[in-house]
Amino acid sequence: QVQLVESGGGLVQPGGSLRLSCAASGFTFSRYAMSWYRQAPGKERELVAVISKFGGSTNYTDSVKGRFTISRDNVKNTVYLQMNSLKPEDTAVYYCNFNLGGNAYWGQGTQVTVSS
């Protein structure tokens, strides 16, 4: 059974850093691109970053370019999101995601709060 489990969220001051992890199981991880999304209160879920199945290609939404880095470890079946220079507007629940057979799979999310 497919499972995505995020961790690493928390409360951080503006300018700080966090590293999110998403542990995957129940599917052949290295065959799929993986994504991080986020959803702030009262807003739609938005795509933050995508990484190709072997990690050779990444894409980011404009608001996080130069601050966030997505990476993956296909041995550990884990995708990461390194977040630096965090801003209050980065506050959201962060989810990892992949698509299989037309279905979107999501983790339970991890809360990131950027506040002084």
PDB file of N, CA and C in Angstrom:
ATOM      1  N   GLN A   1       0.855  -1.185   0.000  1.00  0.00           N
ATOM      2  CA  GLN A   1       0.000   0.000   0.000  1.00  0.00           C
ATOM      3  C   GLN A   1       0.889   1.232   0.000  1.00  0.00           C
ATOM      4  N   VAL A   2       0.520   2.179  -0.852  1.00  0.00           N
ATOM      5  CA  VAL A   2       1.311   3.405  -0.989  1.00  0.00           C
ATOM      6  C   VAL A   2       1.219   4.228   0.290  1.00  0.00           C
ATOM      7  N   GLN A   3       2.374   4.704   0.735  1.00  0.00           N
ATOM      8  CA  GLN A   3       2.407   5.548   1.922  1.00  0.00           C
ATOM      9  C   GLN A   3       3.478   6.620   1.745  1.00  0.00           C
ATOM     10  N   LEU A   4       3.102   7.849   2.083  1.00  0.00           N
ATOM     11  CA  LEU A   4       4.023   8.983   2.106  1.00  0.00           C
ATOM     12  C   LEU A   4       3.935   9.598   3.490  1.00  0.00           C
ATOM     13  N   VAL A   5       5.079   9.729   4.170  1.00  0.00           N
ATOM     14  CA  VAL A   5       5.086  10.252   5.524  1.00  0.00           C
ATOM     15  C   VAL A   5       6.067  11.417   5.611  1.00  0.00           C
ATOM     16  N   GLU A   6       5.518  12.614   5.792  1.00  0.00           N
ATOM     17  CA  GLU A   6       6.346  13.814   5.907  1.00  0.00           C
ATOM     18  C   GLU A   6       6.766  14.039   7.354  1.00  0.00           C
ATOM     19  N   SER A   7       7.906  14.691   7.503  1.00  0.00           N
ATOM     20  CA  SER A   7       8.402  15.080   8.820  1.00  0.00           C
ATOM     21  C   SER A   7       9.336  16.276   8.665  1.00  0.00           C
ATOM     22  N   GLY A   8       9.662  16.894   9.794  1.00  0.00           N
ATOM     23  CA  GLY A   8      10.641  17.971   9.783  1.00  0.00           C
ATOM     24  C   GLY A   8      10.086  19.365   9.921  1.00  0.00           C
ATOM     25  N   GLY A   9       8.770  19.493   9.936  1.00  0.00           N
ATOM     26  CA  GLY A   9       8.188  20.819  10.099  1.00  0.00           C
ATOM     27  C   GLY A   9       8.369  21.345  11.508  1.00  0.00           C
ATOM     28  N   GLY A  10       7.974  22.594  11.709  1.00  0.00           N
ATOM     29  CA  GLY A  10       8.076  23.195  13.031  1.00  0.00           C
ATOM     30  C   GLY A  10       7.961  24.695  12.968  1.00  0.00           C
ATOM     31  N   LEU A  11       8.284  25.321  14.096  1.00  0.00           N
ATOM     32  CA  LEU A  11       8.257  26.775  14.211  1.00  0.00           C
ATOM     33  C   LEU A  11       9.681  27.294  14.045  1.00  0.00           C
ATOM     34  N   VAL A  12       9.847  28.272  13.177  1.00  0.00           N
ATOM     35  CA  VAL A  12      11.168  28.831  12.922  1.00  0.00           C
ATOM     36  C   VAL A  12      11.042  30.341  12.750  1.00  0.00           C
ATOM     37  N   GLN A  13      12.075  31.064  13.138  1.00  0.00           N
ATOM     38  CA  GLN A  13      12.063  32.516  12.973  1.00  0.00           C
ATOM     39  C   GLN A  13      12.339  32.892  11.517  1.00  0.00           C
ATOM     40  N   PRO A  14      11.875  34.058  11.099  1.00  0.00           N
ATOM     41  CA  PRO A  14      12.213  34.523   9.744  1.00  0.00           C
ATOM     42  C   PRO A  14      13.723  34.511   9.525  1.00  0.00           C
ATOM     43  N   GLY A  15      14.123  34.059   8.344  1.00  0.00           N
ATOM     44  CA  GLY A  15      15.533  33.921   8.035  1.00  0.00           C
ATOM     45  C   GLY A  15      16.116  32.571   8.390  1.00  0.00           C
ATOM     46  N   GLY A  16      15.351  31.766   9.113  1.00  0.00           N
ATOM     47  CA  GLY A  16      15.830  30.461   9.530  1.00  0.00           C
ATOM     48  C   GLY A  16      15.687  29.398   8.453  1.00  0.00           C
ATOM     49  N   SER A  17      16.030  28.175   8.831  1.00  0.00           N
ATOM     50  CA  SER A  17      16.018  27.053   7.895  1.00  0.00           C
ATOM     51  C   SER A  17      15.316  25.848   8.504  1.00  0.00           C
ATOM     52  N   LEU A  18      14.750  25.047   7.626  1.00  0.00           N
ATOM     53  CA  LEU A  18      14.182  23.746   7.992  1.00  0.00           C
ATOM     54  C   LEU A  18      14.449  22.775   6.854  1.00  0.00           C
ATOM     55  N   ARG A  19      14.536  21.505   7.202  1.00  0.00           N
ATOM     56  CA  ARG A  19      14.644  20.458   6.188  1.00  0.00           C
ATOM     57  C   ARG A  19      13.500  19.483   6.365  1.00  0.00           C
ATOM     58  N   LEU A  20      12.648  19.407   5.354  1.00  0.00           N
ATOM     59  CA  LEU A  20      11.527  18.473   5.371  1.00  0.00           C
ATOM     60  C   LEU A  20      11.949  17.165   4.718  1.00  0.00           C
ATOM     61  N   SER A  21      11.384  16.085   5.215  1.00  0.00           N
ATOM     62  CA  SER A  21      11.619  14.767   4.638  1.00  0.00           C
ATOM     63  C   SER A  21      10.276  14.118   4.335  1.00  0.00           C
ATOM     64  N   CYS A  22      10.273  13.279   3.308  1.00  0.00           N
ATOM     65  CA  CYS A  22       9.073  12.497   2.968  1.00  0.00           C
ATOM     66  C   CYS A  22       9.532  11.076   2.676  1.00  0.00           C
ATOM     67  N   ALA A  23       9.193  10.166   3.565  1.00  0.00           N
ATOM     68  CA  ALA A  23       9.552   8.757   3.407  1.00  0.00           C
ATOM     69  C   ALA A  23       8.450   8.046   2.641  1.00  0.00           C
ATOM     70  N   ALA A  24       8.831   7.382   1.560  1.00  0.00           N
ATOM     71  CA  ALA A  24       7.866   6.724   0.682  1.00  0.00           C
ATOM     72  C   ALA A  24       7.964   5.208   0.801  1.00  0.00           C
ATOM     73  N   SER A  25       6.835   4.546   0.645  1.00  0.00           N
ATOM     74  CA  SER A  25       6.817   3.092   0.643  1.00  0.00           C
ATOM     75  C   SER A  25       5.615   2.610  -0.146  1.00  0.00           C
ATOM     76  N   GLY A  26       5.661   1.331  -0.550  1.00  0.00           N
ATOM     77  CA  GLY A  26       4.526   0.736  -1.236  1.00  0.00           C
ATOM     78  C   GLY A  26       4.542   0.878  -2.751  1.00  0.00           C
ATOM     79  N   PHE A  27       5.603   1.472  -3.291  1.00  0.00           N
ATOM     80  CA  PHE A  27       5.733   1.604  -4.740  1.00  0.00           C
ATOM     81  C   PHE A  27       7.218   1.725  -5.072  1.00  0.00           C
ATOM     82  N   THR A  28       7.543   1.608  -6.353  1.00  0.00           N
ATOM     83  CA  THR A  28       8.930   1.699  -6.789  1.00  0.00           C
ATOM     84  C   THR A  28       9.312   3.169  -6.905  1.00  0.00           C
ATOM     85  N   PHE A  29       9.872   3.679  -5.851  1.00  0.00           N
ATOM     86  CA  PHE A  29      10.125   5.113  -5.685  1.00  0.00           C
ATOM     87  C   PHE A  29      10.915   5.700  -6.846  1.00  0.00           C
ATOM     88  N   SER A  30      11.926   4.996  -7.319  1.00  0.00           N
ATOM     89  CA  SER A  30      12.832   5.559  -8.326  1.00  0.00           C
ATOM     90  C   SER A  30      12.198   5.697  -9.698  1.00  0.00           C
ATOM     91  N   ARG A  31      10.987   5.209  -9.865  1.00  0.00           N
ATOM     92  CA  ARG A  31      10.323   5.288 -11.165  1.00  0.00           C
ATOM     93  C   ARG A  31       9.485   6.562 -11.329  1.00  0.00           C
ATOM     94  N   TYR A  32       9.380   7.357 -10.261  1.00  0.00           N
ATOM     95  CA  TYR A  32       8.436   8.472 -10.301  1.00  0.00           C
ATOM     96  C   TYR A  32       9.064   9.794  -9.895  1.00  0.00           C
ATOM     97  N   ALA A  33       8.661  10.847 -10.622  1.00  0.00           N
ATOM     98  CA  ALA A  33       8.949  12.181 -10.157  1.00  0.00           C
ATOM     99  C   ALA A  33       8.192  12.418  -8.855  1.00  0.00           C
ATOM    100  N   MET A  34       8.763  13.254  -8.011  1.00  0.00           N
ATOM    101  CA  MET A  34       8.154  13.577  -6.725  1.00  0.00           C
ATOM    102  C   MET A  34       8.024  15.085  -6.598  1.00  0.00           C
ATOM    103  N   SER A  35       7.007  15.502  -5.857  1.00  0.00           N
ATOM    104  CA  SER A  35       6.737  16.932  -5.711  1.00  0.00           C
ATOM    105  C   SER A  35       6.492  17.286  -4.251  1.00  0.00           C
ATOM    106  N   TRP A  36       6.741  18.559  -3.943  1.00  0.00           N
ATOM    107  CA  TRP A  36       6.314  19.149  -2.684  1.00  0.00           C
ATOM    108  C   TRP A  36       5.270  20.225  -3.019  1.00  0.00           C
ATOM    109  N   TYR A  37       4.181  20.204  -2.286  1.00  0.00           N
ATOM    110  CA  TYR A  37       3.140  21.223  -2.361  1.00  0.00           C
ATOM    111  C   TYR A  37       3.024  21.865  -0.973  1.00  0.00           C
ATOM    112  N   ARG A  38       2.345  22.986  -0.946  1.00  0.00           N
ATOM    113  CA  ARG A  38       2.018  23.598   0.344  1.00  0.00           C
ATOM    114  C   ARG A  38       0.639  24.246   0.269  1.00  0.00           C
ATOM    115  N   GLN A  39       0.019  24.357   1.436  1.00  0.00           N
ATOM    116  CA  GLN A  39      -1.294  24.997   1.525  1.00  0.00           C
ATOM    117  C   GLN A  39      -1.332  25.877   2.766  1.00  0.00           C
ATOM    118  N   ALA A  40      -1.478  27.163   2.526  1.00  0.00           N
ATOM    119  CA  ALA A  40      -1.609  28.122   3.616  1.00  0.00           C
ATOM    120  C   ALA A  40      -3.082  28.276   3.971  1.00  0.00           C
ATOM    121  N   PRO A  41      -3.391  28.724   5.187  1.00  0.00           N
ATOM    122  CA  PRO A  41      -4.791  28.893   5.589  1.00  0.00           C
ATOM    123  C   PRO A  41      -5.537  29.795   4.628  1.00  0.00           C
ATOM    124  N   GLY A  42      -6.694  29.325   4.172  1.00  0.00           N
ATOM    125  CA  GLY A  42      -7.533  30.116   3.294  1.00  0.00           C
ATOM    126  C   GLY A  42      -7.062  30.197   1.864  1.00  0.00           C
ATOM    127  N   LYS A  43      -6.022  29.451   1.531  1.00  0.00           N
ATOM    128  CA  LYS A  43      -5.481  29.484   0.165  1.00  0.00           C
ATOM    129  C   LYS A  43      -5.514  28.098  -0.458  1.00  0.00           C
ATOM    130  N   GLU A  44      -5.415  28.082  -1.783  1.00  0.00           N
ATOM    131  CA  GLU A  44      -5.364  26.807  -2.486  1.00  0.00           C
ATOM    132  C   GLU A  44      -3.987  26.163  -2.323  1.00  0.00           C
ATOM    133  N   ARG A  45      -3.978  24.851  -2.455  1.00  0.00           N
ATOM    134  CA  ARG A  45      -2.711  24.135  -2.422  1.00  0.00           C
ATOM    135  C   ARG A  45      -1.899  24.514  -3.654  1.00  0.00           C
ATOM    136  N   GLU A  46      -0.612  24.795  -3.454  1.00  0.00           N
ATOM    137  CA  GLU A  46       0.226  25.195  -4.576  1.00  0.00           C
ATOM    138  C   GLU A  46       1.451  24.309  -4.678  1.00  0.00           C
ATOM    139  N   LEU A  47       1.888  24.113  -5.924  1.00  0.00           N
ATOM    140  CA  LEU A  47       3.093  23.346  -6.181  1.00  0.00           C
ATOM    141  C   LEU A  47       4.315  24.178  -5.802  1.00  0.00           C
ATOM    142  N   VAL A  48       5.216  23.593  -5.026  1.00  0.00           N
ATOM    143  CA  VAL A  48       6.420  24.288  -4.585  1.00  0.00           C
ATOM    144  C   VAL A  48       7.640  23.846  -5.394  1.00  0.00           C
ATOM    145  N   ALA A  49       7.822  22.534  -5.536  1.00  0.00           N
ATOM    146  CA  ALA A  49       9.015  22.027  -6.204  1.00  0.00           C
ATOM    147  C   ALA A  49       8.753  20.623  -6.729  1.00  0.00           C
ATOM    148  N   VAL A  50       9.443  20.293  -7.814  1.00  0.00           N
ATOM    149  CA  VAL A  50       9.340  18.971  -8.430  1.00  0.00           C
ATOM    150  C   VAL A  50      10.750  18.462  -8.715  1.00  0.00           C
ATOM    151  N   ILE A  51      10.935  17.156  -8.552  1.00  0.00           N
ATOM    152  CA  ILE A  51      12.217  16.540  -8.897  1.00  0.00           C
ATOM    153  C   ILE A  51      11.953  15.308  -9.753  1.00  0.00           C
ATOM    154  N   SER A  52      12.747  15.134 -10.789  1.00  0.00           N
ATOM    155  CA  SER A  52      12.594  13.987 -11.684  1.00  0.00           C
ATOM    156  C   SER A  52      12.981  12.699 -10.968  1.00  0.00           C
ATOM    157  N   LYS A  53      12.702  11.572 -11.617  1.00  0.00           N
ATOM    158  CA  LYS A  53      12.841  10.286 -10.916  1.00  0.00           C
ATOM    159  C   LYS A  53      14.260   9.965 -10.488  1.00  0.00           C
ATOM    160  N   PHE A  54      15.256  10.448 -11.220  1.00  0.00           N
ATOM    161  CA  PHE A  54      16.641  10.210 -10.822  1.00  0.00           C
ATOM    162  C   PHE A  54      17.315  11.458 -10.255  1.00  0.00           C
ATOM    163  N   GLY A  55      16.526  12.526 -10.127  1.00  0.00           N
ATOM    164  CA  GLY A  55      17.036  13.742  -9.511  1.00  0.00           C
ATOM    165  C   GLY A  55      17.791  14.671 -10.429  1.00  0.00           C
ATOM    166  N   GLY A  56      17.823  14.366 -11.711  1.00  0.00           N
ATOM    167  CA  GLY A  56      18.598  15.194 -12.629  1.00  0.00           C
ATOM    168  C   GLY A  56      17.936  16.492 -13.027  1.00  0.00           C
ATOM    169  N   SER A  57      16.647  16.609 -12.764  1.00  0.00           N
ATOM    170  CA  SER A  57      15.907  17.805 -13.139  1.00  0.00           C
ATOM    171  C   SER A  57      15.033  18.255 -11.980  1.00  0.00           C
ATOM    172  N   THR A  58      15.058  19.554 -11.715  1.00  0.00           N
ATOM    173  CA  THR A  58      14.228  20.126 -10.660  1.00  0.00           C
ATOM    174  C   THR A  58      13.566  21.398 -11.171  1.00  0.00           C
ATOM    175  N   ASN A  59      12.417  21.695 -10.601  1.00  0.00           N
ATOM    176  CA  ASN A  59      11.723  22.941 -10.913  1.00  0.00           C
ATOM    177  C   ASN A  59      11.093  23.494  -9.640  1.00  0.00           C
ATOM    178  N   TYR A  60      11.018  24.815  -9.593  1.00  0.00           N
ATOM    179  CA  TYR A  60      10.509  25.491  -8.399  1.00  0.00           C
ATOM    180  C   TYR A  60       9.524  26.590  -8.773  1.00  0.00           C
ATOM    181  N   THR A  61       8.584  26.835  -7.887  1.00  0.00           N
ATOM    182  CA  THR A  61       7.757  27.999  -8.070  1.00  0.00           C
ATOM    183  C   THR A  61       8.615  29.245  -7.824  1.00  0.00           C
ATOM    184  N   ASP A  62       8.271  30.329  -8.490  1.00  0.00           N
ATOM    185  CA  ASP A  62       9.134  31.513  -8.457  1.00  0.00           C
ATOM    186  C   ASP A  62       9.405  32.027  -7.041  1.00  0.00           C
ATOM    187  N   SER A  63       8.426  31.923  -6.166  1.00  0.00           N
ATOM    188  CA  SER A  63       8.570  32.523  -4.840  1.00  0.00           C
ATOM    189  C   SER A  63       9.613  31.829  -3.967  1.00  0.00           C
ATOM    190  N   VAL A  64      10.040  30.621  -4.336  1.00  0.00           N
ATOM    191  CA  VAL A  64      11.015  29.903  -3.509  1.00  0.00           C
ATOM    192  C   VAL A  64      12.352  29.696  -4.205  1.00  0.00           C
ATOM    193  N   LYS A  65      12.448  30.119  -5.455  1.00  0.00           N
ATOM    194  CA  LYS A  65      13.701  29.930  -6.200  1.00  0.00           C
ATOM    195  C   LYS A  65      14.860  30.615  -5.487  1.00  0.00           C
ATOM    196  N   GLY A  66      15.969  29.896  -5.372  1.00  0.00           N
ATOM    197  CA  GLY A  66      17.137  30.429  -4.697  1.00  0.00           C
ATOM    198  C   GLY A  66      17.124  30.240  -3.192  1.00  0.00           C
ATOM    199  N   ARG A  67      15.989  29.811  -2.633  1.00  0.00           N
ATOM    200  CA  ARG A  67      15.890  29.609  -1.186  1.00  0.00           C
ATOM    201  C   ARG A  67      15.635  28.147  -0.829  1.00  0.00           C
ATOM    202  N   PHE A  68      14.868  27.444  -1.650  1.00  0.00           N
ATOM    203  CA  PHE A  68      14.512  26.050  -1.387  1.00  0.00           C
ATOM    204  C   PHE A  68      15.253  25.134  -2.350  1.00  0.00           C
ATOM    205  N   THR A  69      15.575  23.933  -1.865  1.00  0.00           N
ATOM    206  CA  THR A  69      16.208  22.922  -2.706  1.00  0.00           C
ATOM    207  C   THR A  69      15.529  21.583  -2.479  1.00  0.00           C
ATOM    208  N   ILE A  70      15.050  20.990  -3.565  1.00  0.00           N
ATOM    209  CA  ILE A  70      14.454  19.653  -3.497  1.00  0.00           C
ATOM    210  C   ILE A  70      15.523  18.640  -3.887  1.00  0.00           C
ATOM    211  N   SER A  71      15.546  17.512  -3.200  1.00  0.00           N
ATOM    212  CA  SER A  71      16.494  16.446  -3.499  1.00  0.00           C
ATOM    213  C   SER A  71      15.855  15.114  -3.140  1.00  0.00           C
ATOM    214  N   ARG A  72      16.498  14.035  -3.546  1.00  0.00           N
ATOM    215  CA  ARG A  72      15.946  12.711  -3.246  1.00  0.00           C
ATOM    216  C   ARG A  72      17.066  11.704  -3.065  1.00  0.00           C
ATOM    217  N   ASP A  73      16.750  10.656  -2.326  1.00  0.00           N
ATOM    218  CA  ASP A  73      17.653   9.529  -2.124  1.00  0.00           C
ATOM    219  C   ASP A  73      16.887   8.277  -2.509  1.00  0.00           C
ATOM    220  N   ASN A  74      17.212   7.719  -3.660  1.00  0.00           N
ATOM    221  CA  ASN A  74      16.467   6.568  -4.165  1.00  0.00           C
ATOM    222  C   ASN A  74      16.850   5.269  -3.469  1.00  0.00           C
ATOM    223  N   VAL A  75      17.858   5.297  -2.621  1.00  0.00           N
ATOM    224  CA  VAL A  75      18.171   4.132  -1.779  1.00  0.00           C
ATOM    225  C   VAL A  75      17.300   4.166  -0.526  1.00  0.00           C
ATOM    226  N   LYS A  76      17.154   5.356   0.038  1.00  0.00           N
ATOM    227  CA  LYS A  76      16.343   5.512   1.250  1.00  0.00           C
ATOM    228  C   LYS A  76      14.866   5.749   0.935  1.00  0.00           C
ATOM    229  N   ASN A  77      14.513   5.865  -0.353  1.00  0.00           N
ATOM    230  CA  ASN A  77      13.127   6.134  -0.755  1.00  0.00           C
ATOM    231  C   ASN A  77      12.580   7.380  -0.060  1.00  0.00           C
ATOM    232  N   THR A  78      13.367   8.419  -0.093  1.00  0.00           N
ATOM    233  CA  THR A  78      13.011   9.644   0.613  1.00  0.00           C
ATOM    234  C   THR A  78      13.260  10.862  -0.280  1.00  0.00           C
ATOM    235  N   VAL A  79      12.341  11.800  -0.225  1.00  0.00           N
ATOM    236  CA  VAL A  79      12.501  13.078  -0.901  1.00  0.00           C
ATOM    237  C   VAL A  79      12.593  14.165   0.173  1.00  0.00           C
ATOM    238  N   TYR A  80      13.428  15.157  -0.087  1.00  0.00           N
ATOM    239  CA  TYR A  80      13.701  16.207   0.886  1.00  0.00           C
ATOM    240  C   TYR A  80      13.358  17.580   0.315  1.00  0.00           C
ATOM    241  N   LEU A  81      13.117  18.514   1.219  1.00  0.00           N
ATOM    242  CA  LEU A  81      12.979  19.910   0.833  1.00  0.00           C
ATOM    243  C   LEU A  81      13.770  20.735   1.840  1.00  0.00           C
ATOM    244  N   GLN A  82      14.916  21.235   1.404  1.00  0.00           N
ATOM    245  CA  GLN A  82      15.713  22.118   2.239  1.00  0.00           C
ATOM    246  C   GLN A  82      15.206  23.541   2.044  1.00  0.00           C
ATOM    247  N   MET A  83      14.803  24.175   3.122  1.00  0.00           N
ATOM    248  CA  MET A  83      14.212  25.509   3.047  1.00  0.00           C
ATOM    249  C   MET A  83      15.084  26.475   3.837  1.00  0.00           C
ATOM    250  N   ASN A  84      15.660  27.435   3.148  1.00  0.00           N
ATOM    251  CA  ASN A  84      16.511  28.450   3.762  1.00  0.00           C
ATOM    252  C   ASN A  84      15.876  29.830   3.622  1.00  0.00           C
ATOM    253  N   SER A  85      16.373  30.769   4.392  1.00  0.00           N
ATOM    254  CA  SER A  85      15.882  32.151   4.333  1.00  0.00           C
ATOM    255  C   SER A  85      14.358  32.197   4.386  1.00  0.00           C
ATOM    256  N   LEU A  86      13.809  31.473   5.329  1.00  0.00           N
ATOM    257  CA  LEU A  86      12.353  31.359   5.416  1.00  0.00           C
ATOM    258  C   LEU A  86      11.704  32.700   5.728  1.00  0.00           C
ATOM    259  N   LYS A  87      10.525  32.878   5.156  1.00  0.00           N
ATOM    260  CA  LYS A  87       9.744  34.107   5.317  1.00  0.00           C
ATOM    261  C   LYS A  87       8.392  33.764   5.940  1.00  0.00           C
ATOM    262  N   PRO A  88       7.746  34.720   6.575  1.00  0.00           N
ATOM    263  CA  PRO A  88       6.410  34.439   7.137  1.00  0.00           C
ATOM    264  C   PRO A  88       5.434  33.915   6.090  1.00  0.00           C
ATOM    265  N   GLU A  89       5.564  34.348   4.861  1.00  0.00           N
ATOM    266  CA  GLU A  89       4.654  33.872   3.820  1.00  0.00           C
ATOM    267  C   GLU A  89       4.913  32.428   3.397  1.00  0.00           C
ATOM    268  N   ASP A  90       5.958  31.818   3.920  1.00  0.00           N
ATOM    269  CA  ASP A  90       6.180  30.386   3.684  1.00  0.00           C
ATOM    270  C   ASP A  90       5.373  29.521   4.659  1.00  0.00           C
ATOM    271  N   THR A  91       4.723  30.146   5.618  1.00  0.00           N
ATOM    272  CA  THR A  91       3.916  29.405   6.581  1.00  0.00           C
ATOM    273  C   THR A  91       2.807  28.646   5.870  1.00  0.00           C
ATOM    274  N   ALA A  92       2.757  27.336   6.088  1.00  0.00           N
ATOM    275  CA  ALA A  92       1.786  26.478   5.409  1.00  0.00           C
ATOM    276  C   ALA A  92       1.958  25.048   5.903  1.00  0.00           C
ATOM    277  N   VAL A  93       1.020  24.213   5.513  1.00  0.00           N
ATOM    278  CA  VAL A  93       1.209  22.769   5.645  1.00  0.00           C
ATOM    279  C   VAL A  93       1.851  22.289   4.347  1.00  0.00           C
ATOM    280  N   TYR A  94       2.946  21.553   4.490  1.00  0.00           N
ATOM    281  CA  TYR A  94       3.697  21.076   3.330  1.00  0.00           C
ATOM    282  C   TYR A  94       3.411  19.584   3.123  1.00  0.00           C
ATOM    283  N   TYR A  95       3.139  19.227   1.857  1.00  0.00           N
ATOM    284  CA  TYR A  95       2.781  17.860   1.497  1.00  0.00           C
ATOM    285  C   TYR A  95       3.718  17.347   0.401  1.00  0.00           C
ATOM    286  N   CYS A  96       4.079  16.090   0.482  1.00  0.00           N
ATOM    287  CA  CYS A  96       4.733  15.487  -0.677  1.00  0.00           C
ATOM    288  C   CYS A  96       3.695  14.734  -1.484  1.00  0.00           C
ATOM    289  N   ASN A  97       4.028  14.519  -2.732  1.00  0.00           N
ATOM    290  CA  ASN A  97       3.037  14.032  -3.696  1.00  0.00           C
ATOM    291  C   ASN A  97       3.722  13.293  -4.830  1.00  0.00           C
ATOM    292  N   PHE A  98       3.033  12.290  -5.370  1.00  0.00           N
ATOM    293  CA  PHE A  98       3.385  11.759  -6.669  1.00  0.00           C
ATOM    294  C   PHE A  98       2.116  11.232  -7.320  1.00  0.00           C
ATOM    295  N   ASN A  99       2.196  10.992  -8.607  1.00  0.00           N
ATOM    296  CA  ASN A  99       1.057  10.521  -9.377  1.00  0.00           C
ATOM    297  C   ASN A  99       1.340   9.150  -9.956  1.00  0.00           C
ATOM    298  N   LEU A 100       0.373   8.268  -9.809  1.00  0.00           N
ATOM    299  CA  LEU A 100       0.508   6.893 -10.297  1.00  0.00           C
ATOM    300  C   LEU A 100      -0.809   6.462 -10.922  1.00  0.00           C
ATOM    301  N   GLY A 101      -0.772   6.120 -12.179  1.00  0.00           N
ATOM    302  CA  GLY A 101      -1.968   5.613 -12.840  1.00  0.00           C
ATOM    303  C   GLY A 101      -3.140   6.571 -12.797  1.00  0.00           C
ATOM    304  N   GLY A 102      -2.841   7.844 -12.889  1.00  0.00           N
ATOM    305  CA  GLY A 102      -3.904   8.832 -12.875  1.00  0.00           C
ATOM    306  C   GLY A 102      -4.374   9.228 -11.491  1.00  0.00           C
ATOM    307  N   ASN A 103      -3.826   8.596 -10.482  1.00  0.00           N
ATOM    308  CA  ASN A 103      -4.190   8.938  -9.099  1.00  0.00           C
ATOM    309  C   ASN A 103      -3.080   9.753  -8.451  1.00  0.00           C
ATOM    310  N   ALA A 104      -3.486  10.765  -7.698  1.00  0.00           N
ATOM    311  CA  ALA A 104      -2.531  11.562  -6.936  1.00  0.00           C
ATOM    312  C   ALA A 104      -2.463  11.037  -5.511  1.00  0.00           C
ATOM    313  N   TYR A 105      -1.237  10.825  -5.028  1.00  0.00           N
ATOM    314  CA  TYR A 105      -1.037  10.342  -3.671  1.00  0.00           C
ATOM    315  C   TYR A 105      -0.402  11.449  -2.835  1.00  0.00           C
ATOM    316  N   TRP A 106      -0.894  11.578  -1.610  1.00  0.00           N
ATOM    317  CA  TRP A 106      -0.471  12.636  -0.702  1.00  0.00           C
ATOM    318  C   TRP A 106      -0.097  12.060   0.656  1.00  0.00           C
ATOM    319  N   GLY A 107       0.856  12.723   1.299  1.00  0.00           N
ATOM    320  CA  GLY A 107       1.107  12.417   2.687  1.00  0.00           C
ATOM    321  C   GLY A 107       0.137  13.178   3.570  1.00  0.00           C
ATOM    322  N   GLN A 108       0.353  13.065   4.892  1.00  0.00           N
ATOM    323  CA  GLN A 108      -0.543  13.724   5.837  1.00  0.00           C
ATOM    324  C   GLN A 108      -0.197  15.191   6.038  1.00  0.00           C
ATOM    325  N   GLY A 109       0.983  15.577   5.576  1.00  0.00           N
ATOM    326  CA  GLY A 109       1.423  16.958   5.685  1.00  0.00           C
ATOM    327  C   GLY A 109       2.214  17.227   6.954  1.00  0.00           C
ATOM    328  N   THR A 110       3.046  18.267   6.887  1.00  0.00           N
ATOM    329  CA  THR A 110       3.801  18.715   8.048  1.00  0.00           C
ATOM    330  C   THR A 110       3.725  20.235   8.116  1.00  0.00           C
ATOM    331  N   GLN A 111       3.422  20.753   9.295  1.00  0.00           N
ATOM    332  CA  GLN A 111       3.196  22.186   9.460  1.00  0.00           C
ATOM    333  C   GLN A 111       4.522  22.928   9.553  1.00  0.00           C
ATOM    334  N   VAL A 112       4.645  23.979   8.772  1.00  0.00           N
ATOM    335  CA  VAL A 112       5.777  24.902   8.861  1.00  0.00           C
ATOM    336  C   VAL A 112       5.233  26.270   9.229  1.00  0.00           C
ATOM    337  N   THR A 113       5.730  26.819  10.317  1.00  0.00           N
ATOM    338  CA  THR A 113       5.306  28.144  10.773  1.00  0.00           C
ATOM    339  C   THR A 113       6.537  29.027  10.896  1.00  0.00           C
ATOM    340  N   VAL A 114       6.512  30.137  10.179  1.00  0.00           N
ATOM    341  CA  VAL A 114       7.629  31.084  10.205  1.00  0.00           C
ATOM    342  C   VAL A 114       7.141  32.348  10.907  1.00  0.00           C
ATOM    343  N   SER A 115       7.655  32.564  12.095  1.00  0.00           N
ATOM    344  CA  SER A 115       7.173  33.680  12.904  1.00  0.00           C
ATOM    345  C   SER A 115       8.218  34.058  13.941  1.00  0.00           C
ATOM    346  N   SER A 116       8.257  35.349  14.271  1.00  0.00           N
ATOM    347  CA  SER A 116       9.150  35.800  15.328  1.00  0.00           C
ATOM    348  C   SER A 116       8.422  35.842  16.662  1.00  0.00           C
TER     349      SER A 116
END
